[in-house]
């Protein structure tokens, strides 16, 4: 039986590494415990930049789990639930989707929550650059990346808005209001 799991969202292993799961297609062989590589990314911090690493999805006791491929035994990230509805994060959009969303937002169309989703203590991608956001910081600079991210409003409350100002030197590039989710 072929099982399609569409699970755009974030998963974490015990070390706190960020995992992005986009779409997974699994072959379930009569409930047998199987493991095999799938398309996916585990993001680790290397010299100020996030680098992707491979991970696997496997089944155990009728559940699907994700883990880093280079570790043995597998470092469990979390259960992958087929019908779990997760938000689509800004960094997971295609370049075209990002451009369309930014254009609509700057034109006053829609709401910030339609285009920008931010999980506290994580990062977003703005115009192709990765910014690590700390909601408790007034100004946060990412090593090795151009520009700064200024936190104009700081709140970790569910549903609150976080204003992010992206600057290059003293020149303001963009101001975004990012929907905060837990």
C-alpha atoms as a PDB file:
ATOM      1  CA  UNK A   1       0.000   0.000   0.000  1.00  0.00           C
ATOM      2  CA  UNK A   2       1.398   3.371  -0.970  1.00  0.00           C
ATOM      3  CA  UNK A   3       0.959   6.142   1.561  1.00  0.00           C
ATOM      4  CA  UNK A   4       1.357   9.805   0.684  1.00  0.00           C
ATOM      5  CA  UNK A   5       2.242  12.076   3.587  1.00  0.00           C
ATOM      6  CA  UNK A   6       2.235  15.798   2.964  1.00  0.00           C
ATOM      7  CA  UNK A   7       3.712  17.372   6.076  1.00  0.00           C
ATOM      8  CA  UNK A   8       5.265  20.763   5.460  1.00  0.00           C
ATOM      9  CA  UNK A   9       6.466  21.881   8.843  1.00  0.00           C
ATOM     10  CA  UNK A  10       9.198  21.734  11.430  1.00  0.00           C
ATOM     11  CA  UNK A  11      10.509  18.793  13.399  1.00  0.00           C
ATOM     12  CA  UNK A  12      13.330  18.672  15.939  1.00  0.00           C
ATOM     13  CA  UNK A  13      15.655  15.967  17.209  1.00  0.00           C
ATOM     14  CA  UNK A  14      16.991  15.693  20.753  1.00  0.00           C
ATOM     15  CA  UNK A  15      19.867  18.035  19.921  1.00  0.00           C
ATOM     16  CA  UNK A  16      17.452  20.737  18.791  1.00  0.00           C
ATOM     17  CA  UNK A  17      18.416  20.485  15.112  1.00  0.00           C
ATOM     18  CA  UNK A  18      15.746  21.753  12.758  1.00  0.00           C
ATOM     19  CA  UNK A  19      14.233  19.351  10.238  1.00  0.00           C
ATOM     20  CA  UNK A  20      12.040  20.363   7.312  1.00  0.00           C
ATOM     21  CA  UNK A  21       9.699  17.722   5.915  1.00  0.00           C
ATOM     22  CA  UNK A  22       8.052  18.638   2.623  1.00  0.00           C
ATOM     23  CA  UNK A  23       6.404  15.596   1.058  1.00  0.00           C
ATOM     24  CA  UNK A  24       7.063  11.954   1.811  1.00  0.00           C
ATOM     25  CA  UNK A  25       5.916   8.923  -0.168  1.00  0.00           C
ATOM     26  CA  UNK A  26       6.206   5.675   1.796  1.00  0.00           C
ATOM     27  CA  UNK A  27       5.630   2.052   0.791  1.00  0.00           C
ATOM     28  CA  UNK A  28       4.026   0.181   3.677  1.00  0.00           C
ATOM     29  CA  UNK A  29       4.717  -3.555   3.397  1.00  0.00           C
ATOM     30  CA  UNK A  30       2.036  -5.264   5.496  1.00  0.00           C
ATOM     31  CA  UNK A  31       3.049  -3.572   8.717  1.00  0.00           C
ATOM     32  CA  UNK A  32       6.685  -4.647   8.548  1.00  0.00           C
ATOM     33  CA  UNK A  33       9.302  -2.447  10.217  1.00  0.00           C
ATOM     34  CA  UNK A  34      11.247  -0.851   7.383  1.00  0.00           C
ATOM     35  CA  UNK A  35      13.684   2.013   6.968  1.00  0.00           C
ATOM     36  CA  UNK A  36      14.813   3.781   3.819  1.00  0.00           C
ATOM     37  CA  UNK A  37      16.067   7.213   2.765  1.00  0.00           C
ATOM     38  CA  UNK A  38      13.666   9.913   1.661  1.00  0.00           C
ATOM     39  CA  UNK A  39      14.060  13.430   0.393  1.00  0.00           C
ATOM     40  CA  UNK A  40      14.526  15.752   3.327  1.00  0.00           C
ATOM     41  CA  UNK A  41      16.780  18.162   5.156  1.00  0.00           C
ATOM     42  CA  UNK A  42      18.213  18.456   8.621  1.00  0.00           C
ATOM     43  CA  UNK A  43      19.607  21.914   9.210  1.00  0.00           C
ATOM     44  CA  UNK A  44      22.739  22.293  11.350  1.00  0.00           C
ATOM     45  CA  UNK A  45      24.672  25.427  12.166  1.00  0.00           C
ATOM     46  CA  UNK A  46      28.143  25.506  10.583  1.00  0.00           C
ATOM     47  CA  UNK A  47      30.205  28.694  10.778  1.00  0.00           C
ATOM     48  CA  UNK A  48      27.198  30.965  10.860  1.00  0.00           C
ATOM     49  CA  UNK A  49      25.232  29.198   8.117  1.00  0.00           C
ATOM     50  CA  UNK A  50      22.696  26.407   8.085  1.00  0.00           C
ATOM     51  CA  UNK A  51      23.690  23.324   6.071  1.00  0.00           C
ATOM     52  CA  UNK A  52      21.375  20.513   5.032  1.00  0.00           C
ATOM     53  CA  UNK A  53      21.950  16.902   6.083  1.00  0.00           C
ATOM     54  CA  UNK A  54      20.103  13.782   5.040  1.00  0.00           C
ATOM     55  CA  UNK A  55      17.600  12.009   7.253  1.00  0.00           C
ATOM     56  CA  UNK A  56      15.452   8.911   7.029  1.00  0.00           C
ATOM     57  CA  UNK A  57      11.826   8.066   7.609  1.00  0.00           C
ATOM     58  CA  UNK A  58      10.999   4.651   9.034  1.00  0.00           C
ATOM     59  CA  UNK A  59       8.023   2.794  10.475  1.00  0.00           C
ATOM     60  CA  UNK A  60       7.734   1.205  13.894  1.00  0.00           C
ATOM     61  CA  UNK A  61       4.584  -0.075  15.591  1.00  0.00           C
ATOM     62  CA  UNK A  62       2.488   1.421  12.831  1.00  0.00           C
ATOM     63  CA  UNK A  63       3.964   4.913  13.227  1.00  0.00           C
ATOM     64  CA  UNK A  64       6.375   6.826  11.039  1.00  0.00           C
ATOM     65  CA  UNK A  65       9.484   8.462  12.459  1.00  0.00           C
ATOM     66  CA  UNK A  66      12.195  10.743  11.112  1.00  0.00           C
ATOM     67  CA  UNK A  67      15.869  10.678  12.075  1.00  0.00           C
ATOM     68  CA  UNK A  68      19.307  11.747  10.944  1.00  0.00           C
ATOM     69  CA  UNK A  69      20.853   9.300   8.492  1.00  0.00           C
ATOM     70  CA  UNK A  70      24.431   9.638   9.761  1.00  0.00           C
ATOM     71  CA  UNK A  71      23.587   8.481  13.293  1.00  0.00           C
ATOM     72  CA  UNK A  72      23.111   4.960  14.591  1.00  0.00           C
ATOM     73  CA  UNK A  73      20.770   4.188  16.153  1.00  0.00           C
ATOM     74  CA  UNK A  74      18.545   6.763  14.510  1.00  0.00           C
ATOM     75  CA  UNK A  75      18.074   9.913  16.525  1.00  0.00           C
ATOM     76  CA  UNK A  76      14.301  10.183  16.554  1.00  0.00           C
ATOM     77  CA  UNK A  77      13.036  13.573  15.451  1.00  0.00           C
ATOM     78  CA  UNK A  78       9.344  13.010  15.912  1.00  0.00           C
ATOM     79  CA  UNK A  79       6.304  11.185  14.704  1.00  0.00           C
ATOM     80  CA  UNK A  80       5.177  12.145  11.216  1.00  0.00           C
ATOM     81  CA  UNK A  81       1.380  12.351  11.222  1.00  0.00           C
ATOM     82  CA  UNK A  82      -0.308  12.059   7.840  1.00  0.00           C
ATOM     83  CA  UNK A  83      -3.332  14.184   8.644  1.00  0.00           C
ATOM     84  CA  UNK A  84      -1.470  16.730  10.780  1.00  0.00           C
ATOM     85  CA  UNK A  85      -2.167  20.176   9.336  1.00  0.00           C
ATOM     86  CA  UNK A  86       0.881  22.377   9.758  1.00  0.00           C
ATOM     87  CA  UNK A  87       1.476  25.973   8.703  1.00  0.00           C
ATOM     88  CA  UNK A  88       3.508  26.704   5.596  1.00  0.00           C
ATOM     89  CA  UNK A  89       6.628  28.551   6.696  1.00  0.00           C
ATOM     90  CA  UNK A  90       8.160  31.414   4.769  1.00  0.00           C
ATOM     91  CA  UNK A  91      11.480  29.602   4.349  1.00  0.00           C
ATOM     92  CA  UNK A  92       9.683  26.641   2.773  1.00  0.00           C
ATOM     93  CA  UNK A  93       8.060  28.659  -0.019  1.00  0.00           C
ATOM     94  CA  UNK A  94       9.457  28.679  -3.533  1.00  0.00           C
ATOM     95  CA  UNK A  95      11.213  31.797  -4.807  1.00  0.00           C
ATOM     96  CA  UNK A  96       8.173  32.636  -6.951  1.00  0.00           C
ATOM     97  CA  UNK A  97       5.832  32.262  -3.982  1.00  0.00           C
ATOM     98  CA  UNK A  98       8.078  34.485  -1.874  1.00  0.00           C
ATOM     99  CA  UNK A  99       8.192  37.158  -4.569  1.00  0.00           C
ATOM    100  CA  UNK A 100       4.415  37.095  -5.020  1.00  0.00           C
ATOM    101  CA  UNK A 101       3.801  37.190  -1.273  1.00  0.00           C
ATOM    102  CA  UNK A 102       6.218  40.073  -0.731  1.00  0.00           C
ATOM    103  CA  UNK A 103       4.715  42.056  -3.608  1.00  0.00           C
ATOM    104  CA  UNK A 104       1.179  41.557  -2.319  1.00  0.00           C
ATOM    105  CA  UNK A 105       2.198  42.416   1.225  1.00  0.00           C
ATOM    106  CA  UNK A 106       3.988  45.613   0.216  1.00  0.00           C
ATOM    107  CA  UNK A 107       0.946  46.564  -1.874  1.00  0.00           C
ATOM    108  CA  UNK A 108      -1.260  46.239   1.204  1.00  0.00           C
ATOM    109  CA  UNK A 109      -3.054  43.108   0.002  1.00  0.00           C
ATOM    110  CA  UNK A 110      -3.930  40.463   2.557  1.00  0.00           C
ATOM    111  CA  UNK A 111      -2.607  40.216   6.087  1.00  0.00           C
ATOM    112  CA  UNK A 112       0.894  39.477   7.389  1.00  0.00           C
ATOM    113  CA  UNK A 113      -0.296  36.103   8.600  1.00  0.00           C
ATOM    114  CA  UNK A 114      -1.028  35.123   5.001  1.00  0.00           C
ATOM    115  CA  UNK A 115       2.604  35.394   3.999  1.00  0.00           C
ATOM    116  CA  UNK A 116       4.929  35.362   6.992  1.00  0.00           C
ATOM    117  CA  UNK A 117       5.023  32.769   9.745  1.00  0.00           C
ATOM    118  CA  UNK A 118       7.602  32.848  12.499  1.00  0.00           C
ATOM    119  CA  UNK A 119       8.275  30.350  15.249  1.00  0.00           C
ATOM    120  CA  UNK A 120      10.020  31.933  18.265  1.00  0.00           C
ATOM    121  CA  UNK A 121      13.782  31.329  18.444  1.00  0.00           C
ATOM    122  CA  UNK A 122      13.878  30.076  14.868  1.00  0.00           C
ATOM    123  CA  UNK A 123      14.686  31.753  11.563  1.00  0.00           C
ATOM    124  CA  UNK A 124      13.064  33.055   8.402  1.00  0.00           C
ATOM    125  CA  UNK A 125      14.304  33.655   4.886  1.00  0.00           C
ATOM    126  CA  UNK A 126      13.853  37.128   3.414  1.00  0.00           C
ATOM    127  CA  UNK A 127      14.799  37.668  -0.215  1.00  0.00           C
ATOM    128  CA  UNK A 128      16.929  34.544  -0.204  1.00  0.00           C
ATOM    129  CA  UNK A 129      18.925  35.424   2.926  1.00  0.00           C
ATOM    130  CA  UNK A 130      18.616  33.421   6.129  1.00  0.00           C
ATOM    131  CA  UNK A 131      18.026  35.392   9.320  1.00  0.00           C
ATOM    132  CA  UNK A 132      18.093  33.804  12.755  1.00  0.00           C
ATOM    133  CA  UNK A 133      15.519  35.592  14.876  1.00  0.00           C
ATOM    134  CA  UNK A 134      15.598  35.952  18.631  1.00  0.00           C
ATOM    135  CA  UNK A 135      12.387  37.529  19.875  1.00  0.00           C
ATOM    136  CA  UNK A 136      14.127  38.697  23.048  1.00  0.00           C
ATOM    137  CA  UNK A 137      16.849  40.607  21.203  1.00  0.00           C
ATOM    138  CA  UNK A 138      16.608  44.221  20.082  1.00  0.00           C
ATOM    139  CA  UNK A 139      19.134  43.751  17.261  1.00  0.00           C
ATOM    140  CA  UNK A 140      20.372  40.439  15.937  1.00  0.00           C
ATOM    141  CA  UNK A 141      23.159  40.003  13.388  1.00  0.00           C
ATOM    142  CA  UNK A 142      23.766  36.669  11.701  1.00  0.00           C
ATOM    143  CA  UNK A 143      27.435  35.847  11.255  1.00  0.00           C
ATOM    144  CA  UNK A 144      28.467  35.580   7.623  1.00  0.00           C
ATOM    145  CA  UNK A 145      25.247  37.068   6.272  1.00  0.00           C
ATOM    146  CA  UNK A 146      24.773  40.544   4.908  1.00  0.00           C
ATOM    147  CA  UNK A 147      22.726  43.018   6.887  1.00  0.00           C
ATOM    148  CA  UNK A 148      20.988  43.038  10.229  1.00  0.00           C
ATOM    149  CA  UNK A 149      17.569  42.084  11.478  1.00  0.00           C
ATOM    150  CA  UNK A 150      16.061  44.545  13.911  1.00  0.00           C
ATOM    151  CA  UNK A 151      13.236  43.375  16.124  1.00  0.00           C
ATOM    152  CA  UNK A 152      10.826  46.318  16.279  1.00  0.00           C
ATOM    153  CA  UNK A 153       8.264  44.535  18.429  1.00  0.00           C
ATOM    154  CA  UNK A 154       8.916  41.589  20.678  1.00  0.00           C
ATOM    155  CA  UNK A 155       6.276  39.158  21.833  1.00  0.00           C
ATOM    156  CA  UNK A 156       6.077  35.397  22.168  1.00  0.00           C
ATOM    157  CA  UNK A 157       2.356  35.330  22.851  1.00  0.00           C
ATOM    158  CA  UNK A 158       0.304  33.162  20.509  1.00  0.00           C
ATOM    159  CA  UNK A 159      -1.099  35.143  17.619  1.00  0.00           C
ATOM    160  CA  UNK A 160       1.040  38.186  18.312  1.00  0.00           C
ATOM    161  CA  UNK A 161       2.768  40.074  15.524  1.00  0.00           C
ATOM    162  CA  UNK A 162       6.509  40.574  15.294  1.00  0.00           C
ATOM    163  CA  UNK A 163       7.808  43.452  13.191  1.00  0.00           C
ATOM    164  CA  UNK A 164      11.130  42.726  11.510  1.00  0.00           C
ATOM    165  CA  UNK A 165      13.215  45.430   9.875  1.00  0.00           C
ATOM    166  CA  UNK A 166      15.870  44.191   7.472  1.00  0.00           C
ATOM    167  CA  UNK A 167      18.658  46.718   6.997  1.00  0.00           C
ATOM    168  CA  UNK A 168      21.815  46.830   4.888  1.00  0.00           C
ATOM    169  CA  UNK A 169      24.181  49.167   6.665  1.00  0.00           C
ATOM    170  CA  UNK A 170      22.015  52.195   7.411  1.00  0.00           C
ATOM    171  CA  UNK A 171      19.688  51.564   4.460  1.00  0.00           C
ATOM    172  CA  UNK A 172      16.355  49.957   5.282  1.00  0.00           C
ATOM    173  CA  UNK A 173      15.613  47.128   2.851  1.00  0.00           C
ATOM    174  CA  UNK A 174      12.227  45.946   4.055  1.00  0.00           C
ATOM    175  CA  UNK A 175       9.959  45.928   7.060  1.00  0.00           C
ATOM    176  CA  UNK A 176       7.941  42.790   7.652  1.00  0.00           C
ATOM    177  CA  UNK A 177       5.306  41.948  10.220  1.00  0.00           C
ATOM    178  CA  UNK A 178       5.640  38.272  10.982  1.00  0.00           C
ATOM    179  CA  UNK A 179       2.896  36.185  12.528  1.00  0.00           C
ATOM    180  CA  UNK A 180       4.161  34.470  15.666  1.00  0.00           C
ATOM    181  CA  UNK A 181       3.167  30.857  16.229  1.00  0.00           C
ATOM    182  CA  UNK A 182       4.135  28.448  18.958  1.00  0.00           C
END
